[in-house]
Amino acid sequence: MSDPLLKPLLAGDRRALAQAITLIESTRADHRERADALLAELLPYTGQKGGKSVRLGITGVPGVGKSTFIERFGLSLIERGRSLAVLAIDPSSKRGGGSILGDKTRMEELSRNPSAFIRPSPAGVTLGGVARRTREAMLLVEAAGFDTVIVETVGVGQSETAVADMVDMFIVLLLPAGGDDLQGIKRGVIELADLIVVNKADGDLKATARRAVADYRHALRMLRSPTAGWTPEVTSASALTGDGVAEVWATVERFNAAVGPQGIARRRAEQARAWMWNEVGETLLAELRKNPEVKRLVPGLEREVETGKSTPAAAARRMLEAFHGR
């Protein structure tokens, strides 16, 4: 029997979509089982095989104006007749694990638009602050009819690699700077970028932004492109005035044309395979932590490692042996 959320979600019901995302974020075993069954029914209606949606990852250093840019960018997409879902990964509250930034309050106009859906998710404990269920939330919003999905990350760090591995195109927002002031941005993040947008290119910073664009273009020439068939580009924009924001979508369209439907489908297939193995790792680690025998050993093993009486590798091996019942 079909899940009661299936029909309303496919019809684009916002409440059903929000309930489905809450379901997939739950750690309860019965909720996990139901979520897996619902996702299996929804897969034919998603962009998993490519061609049905556009998946974008957007990141940037603190203060770059990600939310303002995404709101302005999203509204320009809606004017073109597209629909947009924003999955914003927020730092988790240490105490309650909840979402503490609340992107809905920072994208007020966009959140009120009937063609947009914004869902802040707590980052939780997964690597780099990327919500573990973001990939599944992406499938849900696609099934609900949204043809553009933006995953906004916490900031520049390990989470960027995880997000780049779940989207078609990865966009990095940077502040106007030049020469030695190129923000000390990590090379690893630049290497992931399909497009760099120098934001806040307005007022007194306009000339600085132009120089920064030239500097980043020069830097990108020395790096290998992360996407076959595409040479990364650098542009400038102002989320405040709207200048250059619409041109970002034109670059996305050029990217899609260059990579092609087959290239996008191949990328998503590779991402799905990597996702499967990531799930295996996450699930095994969760099972290991719950195992009674392992839980009994952990305090002593931690003390031994801390005091140098045992190596981390030896302690890990003893933990795994206990898990396997040896």
Protein backbone atom coordinates (compact mmCIF):
# COMPACT_ATOMS: atom_id res chain seq x y z
CA MET A 1 0.00 0.00 0.00
CA SER A 2 1.27 3.46 -0.91
CA ASP A 3 2.38 5.88 1.79
CA PRO A 4 -0.34 8.46 2.63
CA LEU A 5 2.20 11.24 1.94
CA LEU A 6 2.84 10.04 -1.63
CA LYS A 7 -0.16 11.53 -3.45
CA PRO A 8 -0.21 14.97 -1.80
CA LEU A 9 3.58 15.27 -2.14
CA LEU A 10 3.46 14.51 -5.87
CA ALA A 11 0.70 17.12 -6.15
CA GLY A 12 3.08 19.70 -4.65
CA ASP A 13 1.45 19.96 -1.21
CA ARG A 14 3.86 21.94 1.00
CA ARG A 15 2.68 20.41 4.25
CA ALA A 16 3.18 16.88 2.90
CA LEU A 17 6.64 17.85 1.64
CA ALA A 18 7.63 19.29 5.03
CA GLN A 19 6.30 16.16 6.79
CA ALA A 20 8.23 13.91 4.40
CA ILE A 21 11.49 15.78 5.05
CA THR A 22 10.89 15.54 8.82
CA LEU A 23 10.31 11.79 8.32
CA ILE A 24 13.60 11.22 6.48
CA GLU A 25 15.51 13.26 9.08
CA SER A 26 14.19 11.07 11.90
CA THR A 27 16.55 8.49 13.43
CA ARG A 28 13.75 6.20 14.65
CA ALA A 29 13.97 2.75 13.05
CA ASP A 30 10.27 2.64 12.08
CA HIS A 31 10.51 6.13 10.55
CA ARG A 32 13.65 5.11 8.64
CA GLU A 33 11.85 2.06 7.22
CA ARG A 34 8.88 4.17 6.16
CA ALA A 35 11.15 6.84 4.65
CA ASP A 36 13.01 4.23 2.56
CA ALA A 37 9.71 2.87 1.23
CA LEU A 38 8.42 6.36 0.39
CA LEU A 39 11.65 7.30 -1.42
CA ALA A 40 11.50 4.09 -3.47
CA GLU A 41 8.00 5.07 -4.67
CA LEU A 42 9.14 8.62 -5.46
CA LEU A 43 12.33 7.82 -7.40
CA PRO A 44 10.66 7.76 -10.86
CA TYR A 45 9.44 11.33 -10.25
CA THR A 46 12.83 12.77 -9.27
CA GLY A 47 15.79 14.01 -11.29
CA GLN A 48 17.94 11.08 -10.14
CA LYS A 49 18.50 9.97 -13.73
CA GLY A 50 19.19 13.51 -14.96
CA GLY A 51 17.36 15.93 -17.19
CA LYS A 52 14.41 16.67 -14.91
CA SER A 53 15.97 19.26 -12.63
CA VAL A 54 18.97 21.49 -12.00
CA ARG A 55 20.97 20.88 -8.81
CA LEU A 56 23.22 23.69 -7.62
CA GLY A 57 25.53 23.89 -4.61
CA ILE A 58 26.30 27.37 -3.28
CA THR A 59 28.88 28.18 -0.65
CA GLY A 60 30.92 31.17 0.46
CA VAL A 61 33.01 32.67 3.20
CA PRO A 62 31.18 34.22 6.20
CA GLY A 63 29.82 37.67 5.40
CA VAL A 64 29.78 37.12 1.63
CA GLY A 65 25.99 37.47 1.54
CA LYS A 66 24.92 33.95 0.55
CA SER A 67 21.31 34.30 1.70
CA THR A 68 20.85 37.72 0.06
CA PHE A 69 22.36 36.40 -3.17
CA ILE A 70 20.23 33.25 -3.15
CA GLU A 71 17.07 35.27 -2.53
CA ARG A 72 17.82 37.68 -5.40
CA PHE A 73 18.91 34.79 -7.66
CA GLY A 74 15.84 32.72 -6.72
CA LEU A 75 13.41 35.55 -7.44
CA SER A 76 15.02 36.07 -10.86
CA LEU A 77 14.56 32.34 -11.60
CA ILE A 78 10.90 32.47 -10.60
CA GLU A 79 10.41 35.43 -12.96
CA ARG A 80 11.68 33.10 -15.71
CA GLY A 81 8.97 30.59 -14.82
CA ARG A 82 11.10 28.19 -12.78
CA SER A 83 10.40 26.87 -9.29
CA LEU A 84 13.03 26.74 -6.57
CA ALA A 85 13.74 24.69 -3.46
CA VAL A 86 16.52 25.87 -1.13
CA LEU A 87 17.98 23.32 1.29
CA ALA A 88 20.03 25.40 3.71
CA ILE A 89 22.41 23.52 5.98
CA ASP A 90 22.59 25.34 9.32
CA PRO A 91 25.11 24.88 12.15
CA SER A 92 23.44 22.76 14.82
CA SER A 93 22.61 23.95 18.27
CA LYS A 94 24.99 22.10 20.59
CA ARG A 95 22.26 21.62 23.18
CA GLY A 96 19.19 20.75 21.17
CA GLY A 97 20.60 19.92 17.74
CA GLY A 98 18.13 22.30 16.12
CA SER A 99 18.58 24.72 13.26
CA ILE A 100 19.76 28.02 14.71
CA LEU A 101 20.27 30.38 11.78
CA GLY A 102 16.81 30.11 10.28
CA ASP A 103 17.27 30.95 6.59
CA LYS A 104 13.55 31.58 6.21
CA THR A 105 13.97 34.77 8.22
CA ARG A 106 16.94 35.80 6.04
CA MET A 107 15.10 35.11 2.75
CA GLU A 108 11.76 36.58 3.73
CA GLU A 109 10.53 37.64 0.28
CA LEU A 110 11.59 34.36 -1.34
CA SER A 111 10.01 32.26 1.42
CA ARG A 112 6.64 33.94 0.81
CA ASN A 113 6.71 33.19 -2.91
CA PRO A 114 4.45 30.24 -3.89
CA SER A 115 7.07 29.02 -6.39
CA ALA A 116 9.75 28.67 -3.70
CA PHE A 117 10.33 26.31 -0.79
CA ILE A 118 13.01 26.90 1.86
CA ARG A 119 14.03 24.26 4.35
CA PRO A 120 16.75 24.96 6.94
CA SER A 121 18.20 21.69 8.26
CA PRO A 122 20.49 21.25 11.27
CA ALA A 123 23.93 20.07 10.19
CA GLY A 124 24.05 17.43 12.92
CA VAL A 125 27.17 15.41 13.54
CA THR A 126 28.01 14.33 10.00
CA LEU A 127 31.32 15.22 8.35
CA GLY A 128 31.83 18.90 7.71
CA GLY A 129 28.37 19.94 8.83
CA VAL A 130 26.40 18.62 5.87
CA ALA A 131 23.04 17.21 6.89
CA ARG A 132 23.12 13.47 6.24
CA ARG A 133 19.64 13.46 4.71
CA THR A 134 20.14 16.43 2.38
CA ARG A 135 20.43 14.09 -0.62
CA GLU A 136 17.10 12.49 0.21
CA ALA A 137 15.48 15.89 0.81
CA MET A 138 16.67 16.84 -2.68
CA LEU A 139 14.79 13.86 -4.14
CA LEU A 140 11.64 14.83 -2.22
CA VAL A 141 11.56 18.43 -3.47
CA GLU A 142 12.13 17.25 -7.03
CA ALA A 143 9.23 14.80 -6.71
CA ALA A 144 7.10 17.67 -5.41
CA GLY A 145 7.70 19.50 -8.69
CA PHE A 146 10.60 21.88 -8.02
CA ASP A 147 12.81 22.07 -11.10
CA THR A 148 15.74 23.90 -9.43
CA VAL A 149 17.37 22.83 -6.16
CA ILE A 150 19.98 24.88 -4.31
CA VAL A 151 21.98 23.36 -1.46
CA GLU A 152 23.46 26.17 0.64
CA THR A 153 26.29 25.09 2.91
CA VAL A 154 27.44 26.29 6.33
CA GLY A 155 30.63 27.87 5.02
CA VAL A 156 34.03 27.10 3.62
CA GLY A 157 35.31 23.80 4.97
CA GLN A 158 34.99 20.04 4.59
CA SER A 159 31.25 20.29 3.92
CA GLU A 160 31.96 21.77 0.49
CA THR A 161 33.36 18.47 -0.79
CA ALA A 162 30.25 16.64 0.38
CA VAL A 163 27.93 19.17 -1.30
CA ALA A 164 29.95 19.21 -4.55
CA ASP A 165 29.39 15.44 -4.61
CA MET A 166 25.58 15.79 -4.59
CA VAL A 167 24.96 18.59 -7.11
CA ASP A 168 25.42 19.16 -10.85
CA MET A 169 27.21 22.50 -10.55
CA PHE A 170 29.12 23.99 -7.62
CA ILE A 171 29.18 27.78 -7.16
CA VAL A 172 31.54 29.59 -4.78
CA LEU A 173 30.72 33.14 -3.65
CA LEU A 174 33.68 35.32 -2.69
CA LEU A 175 34.17 38.86 -1.44
CA PRO A 176 35.93 41.52 -3.53
CA ALA A 177 39.67 41.30 -2.84
CA GLY A 178 42.85 41.29 -4.85
CA GLY A 179 46.48 40.25 -4.94
CA ASP A 180 47.69 39.02 -1.55
CA ASP A 181 44.24 39.66 -0.08
CA LEU A 182 42.53 36.83 -1.95
CA GLN A 183 41.00 35.87 1.40
CA GLY A 184 43.38 33.02 2.05
CA ILE A 185 40.67 30.87 0.49
CA LYS A 186 41.55 27.19 0.57
CA ARG A 187 42.79 25.87 -2.74
CA GLY A 188 40.65 22.77 -2.20
CA VAL A 189 37.46 24.83 -2.33
CA ILE A 190 38.54 26.70 -5.47
CA GLU A 191 39.35 23.36 -7.11
CA LEU A 192 35.71 22.30 -6.61
CA ALA A 193 34.25 25.44 -8.20
CA ASP A 194 32.50 25.32 -11.57
CA LEU A 195 31.71 29.01 -11.16
CA ILE A 196 33.17 31.70 -8.89
CA VAL A 197 30.96 34.73 -8.25
CA VAL A 198 32.60 37.79 -6.68
CA ASN A 199 29.63 39.22 -4.76
CA LYS A 200 29.15 42.76 -3.38
CA ALA A 201 30.45 44.25 -6.64
CA ASP A 202 28.85 47.62 -6.03
CA GLY A 203 29.71 51.11 -4.79
CA ASP A 204 33.31 51.58 -3.69
CA LEU A 205 34.00 47.86 -4.15
CA LYS A 206 33.13 47.74 -7.85
CA ALA A 207 36.70 48.34 -9.07
CA THR A 208 38.10 45.94 -6.44
CA ALA A 209 35.64 43.28 -7.63
CA ARG A 210 36.81 43.69 -11.24
CA ARG A 211 40.43 43.15 -10.16
CA ALA A 212 39.39 40.13 -8.07
CA VAL A 213 37.65 38.58 -11.09
CA ALA A 214 40.87 38.94 -13.11
CA ASP A 215 42.95 37.46 -10.27
CA TYR A 216 40.67 34.45 -9.84
CA ARG A 217 40.55 33.82 -13.58
CA HIS A 218 44.33 33.70 -13.57
CA ALA A 219 44.33 31.34 -10.56
CA LEU A 220 41.79 28.99 -12.18
CA ARG A 221 43.95 28.61 -15.29
CA MET A 222 46.48 26.75 -13.16
CA LEU A 223 43.91 24.28 -11.81
CA ARG A 224 42.26 21.27 -13.36
CA SER A 225 38.53 21.61 -14.07
CA PRO A 226 36.37 19.56 -11.67
CA THR A 227 33.84 18.84 -14.44
CA ALA A 228 34.60 17.17 -17.77
CA GLY A 229 33.63 19.32 -20.73
CA TRP A 230 33.51 22.59 -18.77
CA THR A 231 36.08 25.29 -18.06
CA PRO A 232 35.30 27.04 -14.74
CA GLU A 233 34.28 30.68 -15.06
CA VAL A 234 34.55 33.77 -12.85
CA THR A 235 32.04 36.62 -12.79
CA SER A 236 30.94 39.42 -10.49
CA ALA A 237 27.51 40.31 -9.11
CA SER A 238 25.77 42.47 -6.57
CA ALA A 239 23.00 40.85 -4.57
CA LEU A 240 22.21 44.34 -3.27
CA THR A 241 21.54 45.97 -6.65
CA GLY A 242 20.84 42.82 -8.66
CA ASP A 243 23.60 43.56 -11.18
CA GLY A 244 25.05 40.37 -12.65
CA VAL A 245 22.68 38.04 -10.76
CA ALA A 246 20.57 37.09 -13.81
CA GLU A 247 23.81 36.42 -15.73
CA VAL A 248 24.66 33.67 -13.22
CA TRP A 249 21.70 31.66 -14.53
CA ALA A 250 22.95 32.19 -18.10
CA THR A 251 26.24 30.60 -16.97
CA VAL A 252 24.31 27.67 -15.45
CA GLU A 253 22.57 27.16 -18.80
CA ARG A 254 25.92 27.23 -20.64
CA PHE A 255 27.26 24.71 -18.13
CA ASN A 256 24.31 22.35 -18.73
CA ALA A 257 24.70 22.66 -22.50
CA ALA A 258 28.46 21.99 -22.31
CA VAL A 259 28.20 18.98 -20.00
CA GLY A 260 25.05 17.70 -21.73
CA PRO A 261 22.24 15.45 -20.44
CA GLN A 262 24.46 12.37 -20.65
CA GLY A 263 27.23 14.07 -18.67
CA ILE A 264 24.76 15.14 -15.96
CA ALA A 265 23.22 11.65 -15.84
CA ARG A 266 26.68 10.06 -15.57
CA ARG A 267 27.66 12.45 -12.77
CA ARG A 268 24.47 11.70 -10.83
CA ALA A 269 24.96 7.95 -11.28
CA GLU A 270 28.50 8.23 -9.84
CA GLN A 271 27.18 10.36 -6.97
CA ALA A 272 24.47 7.78 -6.21
CA ARG A 273 27.08 5.02 -6.01
CA ALA A 274 29.24 7.09 -3.67
CA TRP A 275 26.14 7.93 -1.61
CA MET A 276 25.42 4.21 -1.17
CA TRP A 277 28.89 3.56 0.27
CA ASN A 278 28.64 6.63 2.47
CA GLU A 279 25.38 5.26 3.86
CA VAL A 280 27.07 1.93 4.55
CA GLY A 281 29.78 3.73 6.52
CA GLU A 282 27.34 5.92 8.46
CA THR A 283 25.04 2.99 9.29
CA LEU A 284 27.87 0.68 10.38
CA LEU A 285 29.32 3.38 12.63
CA ALA A 286 25.90 3.98 14.21
CA GLU A 287 25.46 0.23 14.81
CA LEU A 288 28.98 0.02 16.28
CA ARG A 289 28.26 2.84 18.75
CA LYS A 290 25.00 1.17 19.85
CA ASN A 291 26.53 -2.27 20.44
CA PRO A 292 26.41 -3.07 24.22
CA GLU A 293 29.79 -4.82 24.29
CA VAL A 294 31.46 -1.95 22.42
CA LYS A 295 29.82 0.62 24.73
CA ARG A 296 31.24 -1.28 27.72
CA LEU A 297 34.76 -1.22 26.24
CA VAL A 298 34.85 2.38 24.98
CA PRO A 299 35.66 4.29 28.24
CA GLY A 300 38.61 2.01 29.01
CA LEU A 301 39.90 2.06 25.44
CA GLU A 302 39.69 5.84 25.31
CA ARG A 303 41.70 6.11 28.53
CA GLU A 304 44.34 3.70 27.18
CA VAL A 305 44.70 5.73 23.99
CA GLU A 306 44.83 9.05 25.87
CA THR A 307 47.54 7.80 28.25
CA GLY A 308 49.58 6.16 25.50
CA LYS A 309 49.03 2.60 26.78
CA SER A 310 47.46 1.59 23.48
CA THR A 311 47.62 2.84 19.91
CA PRO A 312 44.40 4.11 18.29
CA ALA A 313 44.68 1.34 15.67
CA ALA A 314 44.93 -1.40 18.32
CA ALA A 315 42.01 0.08 20.29
CA ALA A 316 39.90 0.27 17.13
CA ARG A 317 40.70 -3.35 16.32
CA ARG A 318 39.60 -4.49 19.80
CA MET A 319 36.39 -2.50 19.39
CA LEU A 320 35.66 -4.16 16.04
CA GLU A 321 36.44 -7.61 17.45
CA ALA A 322 33.91 -6.98 20.23
CA PHE A 323 31.39 -5.82 17.62
CA HIS A 324 31.86 -9.04 15.64
CA GLY A 325 31.61 -11.13 18.83
CA ARG A 326 35.12 -12.56 18.64
